[in-house]
Amino acid sequence: MSGDLTHLERARLRWRARRGLLENDLILQRFFDAYEADLTEEDVGALTRLLEMDDTDLLDIFLDRADLAGAYDDPRIRTLVERMKSL
């Protein structure tokens, strides 16, 4: 699915990524701006799972105050988080 996301699918994914904390929104926005066109089906699945996290837990992950654990401790999710942190 690399590069095969339709405009509507991209819009829906961005909408799902909207968060209650501005800091998370900014990080996710930069990620989408940089990588949206290259997301694979596996990336979208991992991103969808990551977005299930609570806002404060997600921010702790982005700020290296916590590590991914449990169901979120997945290589694909880790790769996405590392991309997000690098921006």
PDB file of N, CA and C in Angstrom:
ATOM      1  N   MET A   1       0.822  -1.199   0.000  1.00  0.00           N
ATOM      2  CA  MET A   1       0.000   0.000   0.000  1.00  0.00           C
ATOM      3  C   MET A   1       0.863   1.259   0.000  1.00  0.00           C
ATOM      4  N   SER A   2       2.147   1.107  -0.042  1.00  0.00           N
ATOM      5  CA  SER A   2       3.035   2.247  -0.041  1.00  0.00           C
ATOM      6  C   SER A   2       2.652   3.236  -1.132  1.00  0.00           C
ATOM      7  N   GLY A   3       2.351   4.457  -0.716  1.00  0.00           N
ATOM      8  CA  GLY A   3       1.963   5.474  -1.669  1.00  0.00           C
ATOM      9  C   GLY A   3       0.579   5.290  -2.242  1.00  0.00           C
ATOM     10  N   ASP A   4      -0.138   4.249  -1.838  1.00  0.00           N
ATOM     11  CA  ASP A   4      -1.444   3.951  -2.413  1.00  0.00           C
ATOM     12  C   ASP A   4      -2.614   4.438  -1.560  1.00  0.00           C
ATOM     13  N   LEU A   5      -2.347   5.152  -0.489  1.00  0.00           N
ATOM     14  CA  LEU A   5      -3.441   5.695   0.310  1.00  0.00           C
ATOM     15  C   LEU A   5      -4.182   6.734  -0.524  1.00  0.00           C
ATOM     16  N   THR A   6      -5.483   6.637  -0.545  1.00  0.00           N
ATOM     17  CA  THR A   6      -6.264   7.637  -1.267  1.00  0.00           C
ATOM     18  C   THR A   6      -6.281   8.934  -0.469  1.00  0.00           C
ATOM     19  N   HIS A   7      -6.700   9.984  -1.116  1.00  0.00           N
ATOM     20  CA  HIS A   7      -6.808  11.272  -0.433  1.00  0.00           C
ATOM     21  C   HIS A   7      -7.739  11.158   0.778  1.00  0.00           C
ATOM     22  N   LEU A   8      -8.847  10.458   0.624  1.00  0.00           N
ATOM     23  CA  LEU A   8      -9.802  10.277   1.720  1.00  0.00           C
ATOM     24  C   LEU A   8      -9.189   9.472   2.859  1.00  0.00           C
ATOM     25  N   GLU A   9      -8.450   8.412   2.549  1.00  0.00           N
ATOM     26  CA  GLU A   9      -7.801   7.609   3.590  1.00  0.00           C
ATOM     27  C   GLU A   9      -6.757   8.439   4.341  1.00  0.00           C
ATOM     28  N   ARG A  10      -6.029   9.268   3.598  1.00  0.00           N
ATOM     29  CA  ARG A  10      -5.043  10.142   4.240  1.00  0.00           C
ATOM     30  C   ARG A  10      -5.732  11.135   5.178  1.00  0.00           C
ATOM     31  N   ALA A  11      -6.819  11.713   4.714  1.00  0.00           N
ATOM     32  CA  ALA A  11      -7.558  12.682   5.528  1.00  0.00           C
ATOM     33  C   ALA A  11      -8.113  12.015   6.791  1.00  0.00           C
ATOM     34  N   ARG A  12      -8.638  10.815   6.641  1.00  0.00           N
ATOM     35  CA  ARG A  12      -9.171  10.095   7.804  1.00  0.00           C
ATOM     36  C   ARG A  12      -8.070   9.762   8.808  1.00  0.00           C
ATOM     37  N   LEU A  13      -6.918   9.336   8.318  1.00  0.00           N
ATOM     38  CA  LEU A  13      -5.811   9.002   9.202  1.00  0.00           C
ATOM     39  C   LEU A  13      -5.334  10.244   9.945  1.00  0.00           C
ATOM     40  N   ARG A  14      -5.209  11.346   9.249  1.00  0.00           N
ATOM     41  CA  ARG A  14      -4.818  12.599   9.913  1.00  0.00           C
ATOM     42  C   ARG A  14      -5.856  13.012  10.953  1.00  0.00           C
ATOM     43  N   TRP A  15      -7.131  12.836  10.631  1.00  0.00           N
ATOM     44  CA  TRP A  15      -8.187  13.200  11.569  1.00  0.00           C
ATOM     45  C   TRP A  15      -8.105  12.335  12.827  1.00  0.00           C
ATOM     46  N   ARG A  16      -7.884  11.035  12.657  1.00  0.00           N
ATOM     47  CA  ARG A  16      -7.749  10.131  13.807  1.00  0.00           C
ATOM     48  C   ARG A  16      -6.541  10.489  14.656  1.00  0.00           C
ATOM     49  N   ALA A  17      -5.537  11.113  14.056  1.00  0.00           N
ATOM     50  CA  ALA A  17      -4.315  11.457  14.767  1.00  0.00           C
ATOM     51  C   ALA A  17      -4.455  12.733  15.596  1.00  0.00           C
ATOM     52  N   ARG A  18      -5.552  13.443  15.451  1.00  0.00           N
ATOM     53  CA  ARG A  18      -5.757  14.666  16.245  1.00  0.00           C
ATOM     54  C   ARG A  18      -5.880  14.286  17.708  1.00  0.00           C
ATOM     55  N   ARG A  19      -5.160  14.994  18.548  1.00  0.00           N
ATOM     56  CA  ARG A  19      -5.080  14.645  19.956  1.00  0.00           C
ATOM     57  C   ARG A  19      -5.568  15.783  20.831  1.00  0.00           C
ATOM     58  N   GLY A  20      -5.750  15.479  22.106  1.00  0.00           N
ATOM     59  CA  GLY A  20      -6.189  16.474  23.073  1.00  0.00           C
ATOM     60  C   GLY A  20      -5.063  17.368  23.555  1.00  0.00           C
ATOM     61  N   LEU A  21      -3.832  16.925  23.389  1.00  0.00           N
ATOM     62  CA  LEU A  21      -2.680  17.720  23.803  1.00  0.00           C
ATOM     63  C   LEU A  21      -2.000  18.330  22.581  1.00  0.00           C
ATOM     64  N   LEU A  22      -1.786  19.611  22.618  1.00  0.00           N
ATOM     65  CA  LEU A  22      -1.168  20.322  21.508  1.00  0.00           C
ATOM     66  C   LEU A  22       0.201  19.741  21.156  1.00  0.00           C
ATOM     67  N   GLU A  23       0.970  19.364  22.166  1.00  0.00           N
ATOM     68  CA  GLU A  23       2.301  18.819  21.924  1.00  0.00           C
ATOM     69  C   GLU A  23       2.232  17.572  21.040  1.00  0.00           C
ATOM     70  N   ASN A  24       1.287  16.689  21.335  1.00  0.00           N
ATOM     71  CA  ASN A  24       1.119  15.491  20.520  1.00  0.00           C
ATOM     72  C   ASN A  24       0.693  15.864  19.105  1.00  0.00           C
ATOM     73  N   ASP A  25      -0.223  16.806  18.993  1.00  0.00           N
ATOM     74  CA  ASP A  25      -0.673  17.253  17.674  1.00  0.00           C
ATOM     75  C   ASP A  25       0.497  17.755  16.826  1.00  0.00           C
ATOM     76  N   LEU A  26       1.364  18.529  17.434  1.00  0.00           N
ATOM     77  CA  LEU A  26       2.501  19.087  16.698  1.00  0.00           C
ATOM     78  C   LEU A  26       3.454  17.993  16.223  1.00  0.00           C
ATOM     79  N   ILE A  27       3.736  17.041  17.084  1.00  0.00           N
ATOM     80  CA  ILE A  27       4.627  15.938  16.725  1.00  0.00           C
ATOM     81  C   ILE A  27       4.014  15.114  15.606  1.00  0.00           C
ATOM     82  N   LEU A  28       2.738  14.774  15.733  1.00  0.00           N
ATOM     83  CA  LEU A  28       2.069  13.956  14.723  1.00  0.00           C
ATOM     84  C   LEU A  28       1.927  14.707  13.406  1.00  0.00           C
ATOM     85  N   GLN A  29       1.670  16.000  13.460  1.00  0.00           N
ATOM     86  CA  GLN A  29       1.559  16.806  12.239  1.00  0.00           C
ATOM     87  C   GLN A  29       2.871  16.810  11.473  1.00  0.00           C
ATOM     88  N   ARG A  30       3.975  17.011  12.188  1.00  0.00           N
ATOM     89  CA  ARG A  30       5.290  16.993  11.525  1.00  0.00           C
ATOM     90  C   ARG A  30       5.562  15.626  10.911  1.00  0.00           C
ATOM     91  N   PHE A  31       5.177  14.567  11.625  1.00  0.00           N
ATOM     92  CA  PHE A  31       5.357  13.214  11.105  1.00  0.00           C
ATOM     93  C   PHE A  31       4.582  13.034   9.800  1.00  0.00           C
ATOM     94  N   PHE A  32       3.317  13.419   9.803  1.00  0.00           N
ATOM     95  CA  PHE A  32       2.510  13.274   8.585  1.00  0.00           C
ATOM     96  C   PHE A  32       3.071  14.117   7.451  1.00  0.00           C
ATOM     97  N   ASP A  33       3.501  15.318   7.750  1.00  0.00           N
ATOM     98  CA  ASP A  33       4.067  16.177   6.708  1.00  0.00           C
ATOM     99  C   ASP A  33       5.292  15.529   6.061  1.00  0.00           C
ATOM    100  N   ALA A  34       6.084  14.814   6.862  1.00  0.00           N
ATOM    101  CA  ALA A  34       7.313  14.220   6.353  1.00  0.00           C
ATOM    102  C   ALA A  34       7.114  12.841   5.725  1.00  0.00           C
ATOM    103  N   TYR A  35       6.204  12.032   6.274  1.00  0.00           N
ATOM    104  CA  TYR A  35       6.148  10.622   5.898  1.00  0.00           C
ATOM    105  C   TYR A  35       4.821  10.133   5.328  1.00  0.00           C
ATOM    106  N   GLU A  36       3.820  10.953   5.294  1.00  0.00           N
ATOM    107  CA  GLU A  36       2.493  10.490   4.893  1.00  0.00           C
ATOM    108  C   GLU A  36       2.492   9.762   3.545  1.00  0.00           C
ATOM    109  N   ALA A  37       3.185  10.285   2.585  1.00  0.00           N
ATOM    110  CA  ALA A  37       3.172   9.699   1.243  1.00  0.00           C
ATOM    111  C   ALA A  37       3.841   8.337   1.191  1.00  0.00           C
ATOM    112  N   ASP A  38       4.669   8.022   2.182  1.00  0.00           N
ATOM    113  CA  ASP A  38       5.431   6.772   2.173  1.00  0.00           C
ATOM    114  C   ASP A  38       4.871   5.699   3.103  1.00  0.00           C
ATOM    115  N   LEU A  39       3.761   5.984   3.784  1.00  0.00           N
ATOM    116  CA  LEU A  39       3.220   5.022   4.743  1.00  0.00           C
ATOM    117  C   LEU A  39       2.745   3.754   4.046  1.00  0.00           C
ATOM    118  N   THR A  40       3.135   2.620   4.604  1.00  0.00           N
ATOM    119  CA  THR A  40       2.688   1.330   4.100  1.00  0.00           C
ATOM    120  C   THR A  40       1.441   0.895   4.869  1.00  0.00           C
ATOM    121  N   GLU A  41       0.827  -0.161   4.412  1.00  0.00           N
ATOM    122  CA  GLU A  41      -0.330  -0.711   5.118  1.00  0.00           C
ATOM    123  C   GLU A  41       0.061  -1.117   6.538  1.00  0.00           C
ATOM    124  N   GLU A  42       1.257  -1.682   6.703  1.00  0.00           N
ATOM    125  CA  GLU A  42       1.742  -2.073   8.026  1.00  0.00           C
ATOM    126  C   GLU A  42       1.957  -0.835   8.901  1.00  0.00           C
ATOM    127  N   ASP A  43       2.482   0.233   8.308  1.00  0.00           N
ATOM    128  CA  ASP A  43       2.665   1.483   9.054  1.00  0.00           C
ATOM    129  C   ASP A  43       1.329   2.022   9.542  1.00  0.00           C
ATOM    130  N   VAL A  44       0.336   1.994   8.674  1.00  0.00           N
ATOM    131  CA  VAL A  44      -0.991   2.497   9.037  1.00  0.00           C
ATOM    132  C   VAL A  44      -1.563   1.669  10.182  1.00  0.00           C
ATOM    133  N   GLY A  45      -1.394   0.358  10.132  1.00  0.00           N
ATOM    134  CA  GLY A  45      -1.869  -0.496  11.220  1.00  0.00           C
ATOM    135  C   GLY A  45      -1.164  -0.189  12.529  1.00  0.00           C
ATOM    136  N   ALA A  46       0.161  -0.028  12.476  1.00  0.00           N
ATOM    137  CA  ALA A  46       0.932   0.290  13.675  1.00  0.00           C
ATOM    138  C   ALA A  46       0.558   1.675  14.202  1.00  0.00           C
ATOM    139  N   LEU A  47       0.397   2.621  13.316  1.00  0.00           N
ATOM    140  CA  LEU A  47       0.015   3.971  13.716  1.00  0.00           C
ATOM    141  C   LEU A  47      -1.367   3.981  14.350  1.00  0.00           C
ATOM    142  N   THR A  48      -2.273   3.223  13.794  1.00  0.00           N
ATOM    143  CA  THR A  48      -3.621   3.132  14.359  1.00  0.00           C
ATOM    144  C   THR A  48      -3.565   2.585  15.779  1.00  0.00           C
ATOM    145  N   ARG A  49      -2.738   1.572  15.999  1.00  0.00           N
ATOM    146  CA  ARG A  49      -2.593   1.020  17.349  1.00  0.00           C
ATOM    147  C   ARG A  49      -1.972   2.040  18.286  1.00  0.00           C
ATOM    148  N   LEU A  50      -0.947   2.747  17.819  1.00  0.00           N
ATOM    149  CA  LEU A  50      -0.294   3.761  18.644  1.00  0.00           C
ATOM    150  C   LEU A  50      -1.279   4.844  19.062  1.00  0.00           C
ATOM    151  N   LEU A  51      -2.164   5.225  18.154  1.00  0.00           N
ATOM    152  CA  LEU A  51      -3.116   6.297  18.437  1.00  0.00           C
ATOM    153  C   LEU A  51      -4.192   5.880  19.443  1.00  0.00           C
ATOM    154  N   GLU A  52      -4.227   4.612  19.799  1.00  0.00           N
ATOM    155  CA  GLU A  52      -5.144   4.150  20.841  1.00  0.00           C
ATOM    156  C   GLU A  52      -4.646   4.525  22.231  1.00  0.00           C
ATOM    157  N   MET A  53      -3.391   4.926  22.336  1.00  0.00           N
ATOM    158  CA  MET A  53      -2.817   5.288  23.634  1.00  0.00           C
ATOM    159  C   MET A  53      -3.463   6.554  24.180  1.00  0.00           C
ATOM    160  N   ASP A  54      -3.476   6.650  25.479  1.00  0.00           N
ATOM    161  CA  ASP A  54      -3.906   7.860  26.173  1.00  0.00           C
ATOM    162  C   ASP A  54      -2.947   9.001  25.814  1.00  0.00           C
ATOM    163  N   ASP A  55      -3.472  10.215  25.726  1.00  0.00           N
ATOM    164  CA  ASP A  55      -2.653  11.365  25.326  1.00  0.00           C
ATOM    165  C   ASP A  55      -1.431  11.568  26.210  1.00  0.00           C
ATOM    166  N   THR A  56      -1.599  11.489  27.520  1.00  0.00           N
ATOM    167  CA  THR A  56      -0.453  11.730  28.407  1.00  0.00           C
ATOM    168  C   THR A  56       0.574  10.608  28.288  1.00  0.00           C
ATOM    169  N   ASP A  57       0.129   9.377  28.106  1.00  0.00           N
ATOM    170  CA  ASP A  57       1.056   8.263  27.908  1.00  0.00           C
ATOM    171  C   ASP A  57       1.820   8.429  26.595  1.00  0.00           C
ATOM    172  N   LEU A  58       1.131   8.864  25.564  1.00  0.00           N
ATOM    173  CA  LEU A  58       1.764   9.079  24.270  1.00  0.00           C
ATOM    174  C   LEU A  58       2.814  10.187  24.360  1.00  0.00           C
ATOM    175  N   LEU A  59       2.488  11.259  25.037  1.00  0.00           N
ATOM    176  CA  LEU A  59       3.458  12.349  25.201  1.00  0.00           C
ATOM    177  C   LEU A  59       4.677  11.862  25.978  1.00  0.00           C
ATOM    178  N   ASP A  60       4.466  11.046  27.012  1.00  0.00           N
ATOM    179  CA  ASP A  60       5.601  10.499  27.762  1.00  0.00           C
ATOM    180  C   ASP A  60       6.511   9.672  26.859  1.00  0.00           C
ATOM    181  N   ILE A  61       5.935   8.937  25.922  1.00  0.00           N
ATOM    182  CA  ILE A  61       6.724   8.165  24.968  1.00  0.00           C
ATOM    183  C   ILE A  61       7.526   9.113  24.071  1.00  0.00           C
ATOM    184  N   PHE A  62       6.871  10.128  23.543  1.00  0.00           N
ATOM    185  CA  PHE A  62       7.544  11.080  22.655  1.00  0.00           C
ATOM    186  C   PHE A  62       8.685  11.808  23.364  1.00  0.00           C
ATOM    187  N   LEU A  63       8.522  12.089  24.648  1.00  0.00           N
ATOM    188  CA  LEU A  63       9.523  12.848  25.401  1.00  0.00           C
ATOM    189  C   LEU A  63      10.519  11.962  26.132  1.00  0.00           C
ATOM    190  N   ASP A  64      10.501  10.664  25.843  1.00  0.00           N
ATOM    191  CA  ASP A  64      11.418   9.693  26.465  1.00  0.00           C
ATOM    192  C   ASP A  64      11.274   9.625  27.980  1.00  0.00           C
ATOM    193  N   ARG A  65      10.090   9.908  28.479  1.00  0.00           N
ATOM    194  CA  ARG A  65       9.834   9.761  29.910  1.00  0.00           C
ATOM    195  C   ARG A  65       9.302   8.362  30.223  1.00  0.00           C
ATOM    196  N   ALA A  66       8.960   7.610  29.177  1.00  0.00           N
ATOM    197  CA  ALA A  66       8.461   6.247  29.328  1.00  0.00           C
ATOM    198  C   ALA A  66       8.822   5.470  28.065  1.00  0.00           C
ATOM    199  N   ASP A  67       8.815   4.153  28.197  1.00  0.00           N
ATOM    200  CA  ASP A  67       9.074   3.275  27.058  1.00  0.00           C
ATOM    201  C   ASP A  67       7.789   2.607  26.624  1.00  0.00           C
ATOM    202  N   LEU A  68       7.751   2.211  25.374  1.00  0.00           N
ATOM    203  CA  LEU A  68       6.618   1.431  24.875  1.00  0.00           C
ATOM    204  C   LEU A  68       6.593   0.104  25.621  1.00  0.00           C
ATOM    205  N   ALA A  69       5.397  -0.304  26.023  1.00  0.00           N
ATOM    206  CA  ALA A  69       5.270  -1.543  26.783  1.00  0.00           C
ATOM    207  C   ALA A  69       3.991  -2.258  26.387  1.00  0.00           C
ATOM    208  N   GLY A  70       3.918  -3.512  26.760  1.00  0.00           N
ATOM    209  CA  GLY A  70       2.714  -4.295  26.513  1.00  0.00           C
ATOM    210  C   GLY A  70       2.422  -4.413  25.026  1.00  0.00           C
ATOM    211  N   ALA A  71       1.177  -4.210  24.682  1.00  0.00           N
ATOM    212  CA  ALA A  71       0.732  -4.341  23.290  1.00  0.00           C
ATOM    213  C   ALA A  71       1.392  -3.320  22.373  1.00  0.00           C
ATOM    214  N   TYR A  72       1.921  -2.251  22.937  1.00  0.00           N
ATOM    215  CA  TYR A  72       2.546  -1.202  22.126  1.00  0.00           C
ATOM    216  C   TYR A  72       4.032  -1.455  21.879  1.00  0.00           C
ATOM    217  N   ASP A  73       4.601  -2.431  22.554  1.00  0.00           N
ATOM    218  CA  ASP A  73       6.011  -2.758  22.379  1.00  0.00           C
ATOM    219  C   ASP A  73       6.155  -3.660  21.160  1.00  0.00           C
ATOM    220  N   ASP A  74       6.107  -3.028  20.004  1.00  0.00           N
ATOM    221  CA  ASP A  74       6.103  -3.710  18.715  1.00  0.00           C
ATOM    222  C   ASP A  74       7.153  -3.035  17.830  1.00  0.00           C
ATOM    223  N   PRO A  75       7.923  -3.808  17.066  1.00  0.00           N
ATOM    224  CA  PRO A  75       8.970  -3.197  16.229  1.00  0.00           C
ATOM    225  C   PRO A  75       8.456  -2.121  15.271  1.00  0.00           C
ATOM    226  N   ARG A  76       7.292  -2.331  14.677  1.00  0.00           N
ATOM    227  CA  ARG A  76       6.760  -1.322  13.739  1.00  0.00           C
ATOM    228  C   ARG A  76       6.377  -0.040  14.467  1.00  0.00           C
ATOM    229  N   ILE A  77       5.779  -0.191  15.637  1.00  0.00           N
ATOM    230  CA  ILE A  77       5.413   0.998  16.422  1.00  0.00           C
ATOM    231  C   ILE A  77       6.682   1.718  16.867  1.00  0.00           C
ATOM    232  N   ARG A  78       7.683   0.962  17.299  1.00  0.00           N
ATOM    233  CA  ARG A  78       8.952   1.583  17.711  1.00  0.00           C
ATOM    234  C   ARG A  78       9.574   2.381  16.561  1.00  0.00           C
ATOM    235  N   THR A  79       9.536   1.831  15.377  1.00  0.00           N
ATOM    236  CA  THR A  79      10.102   2.524  14.216  1.00  0.00           C
ATOM    237  C   THR A  79       9.349   3.833  13.958  1.00  0.00           C
ATOM    238  N   LEU A  80       8.027   3.792  14.030  1.00  0.00           N
ATOM    239  CA  LEU A  80       7.247   5.020  13.822  1.00  0.00           C
ATOM    240  C   LEU A  80       7.560   6.061  14.882  1.00  0.00           C
ATOM    241  N   VAL A  81       7.630   5.614  16.132  1.00  0.00           N
ATOM    242  CA  VAL A  81       7.927   6.553  17.230  1.00  0.00           C
ATOM    243  C   VAL A  81       9.308   7.171  17.041  1.00  0.00           C
ATOM    244  N   GLU A  82      10.293   6.375  16.634  1.00  0.00           N
ATOM    245  CA  GLU A  82      11.626   6.914  16.403  1.00  0.00           C
ATOM    246  C   GLU A  82      11.612   7.945  15.287  1.00  0.00           C
ATOM    247  N   ARG A  83      10.856   7.696  14.241  1.00  0.00           N
ATOM    248  CA  ARG A  83      10.722   8.693  13.165  1.00  0.00           C
ATOM    249  C   ARG A  83      10.116   9.978  13.715  1.00  0.00           C
ATOM    250  N   MET A  84       9.087   9.839  14.529  1.00  0.00           N
ATOM    251  CA  MET A  84       8.404  11.017  15.086  1.00  0.00           C
ATOM    252  C   MET A  84       9.348  11.811  15.965  1.00  0.00           C
ATOM    253  N   LYS A  85      10.132  11.133  16.770  1.00  0.00           N
ATOM    254  CA  LYS A  85      11.065  11.820  17.670  1.00  0.00           C
ATOM    255  C   LYS A  85      12.187  12.517  16.911  1.00  0.00           C
ATOM    256  N   SER A  86      12.523  12.004  15.738  1.00  0.00           N
ATOM    257  CA  SER A  86      13.669  12.553  15.006  1.00  0.00           C
ATOM    258  C   SER A  86      13.329  13.865  14.294  1.00  0.00           C
ATOM    259  N   LEU A  87      12.064  14.209  14.216  1.00  0.00           N
ATOM    260  CA  LEU A  87      11.674  15.413  13.461  1.00  0.00           C
ATOM    261  C   LEU A  87      11.783  16.676  14.282  1.00  0.00           C
TER     262      LEU A  87
END
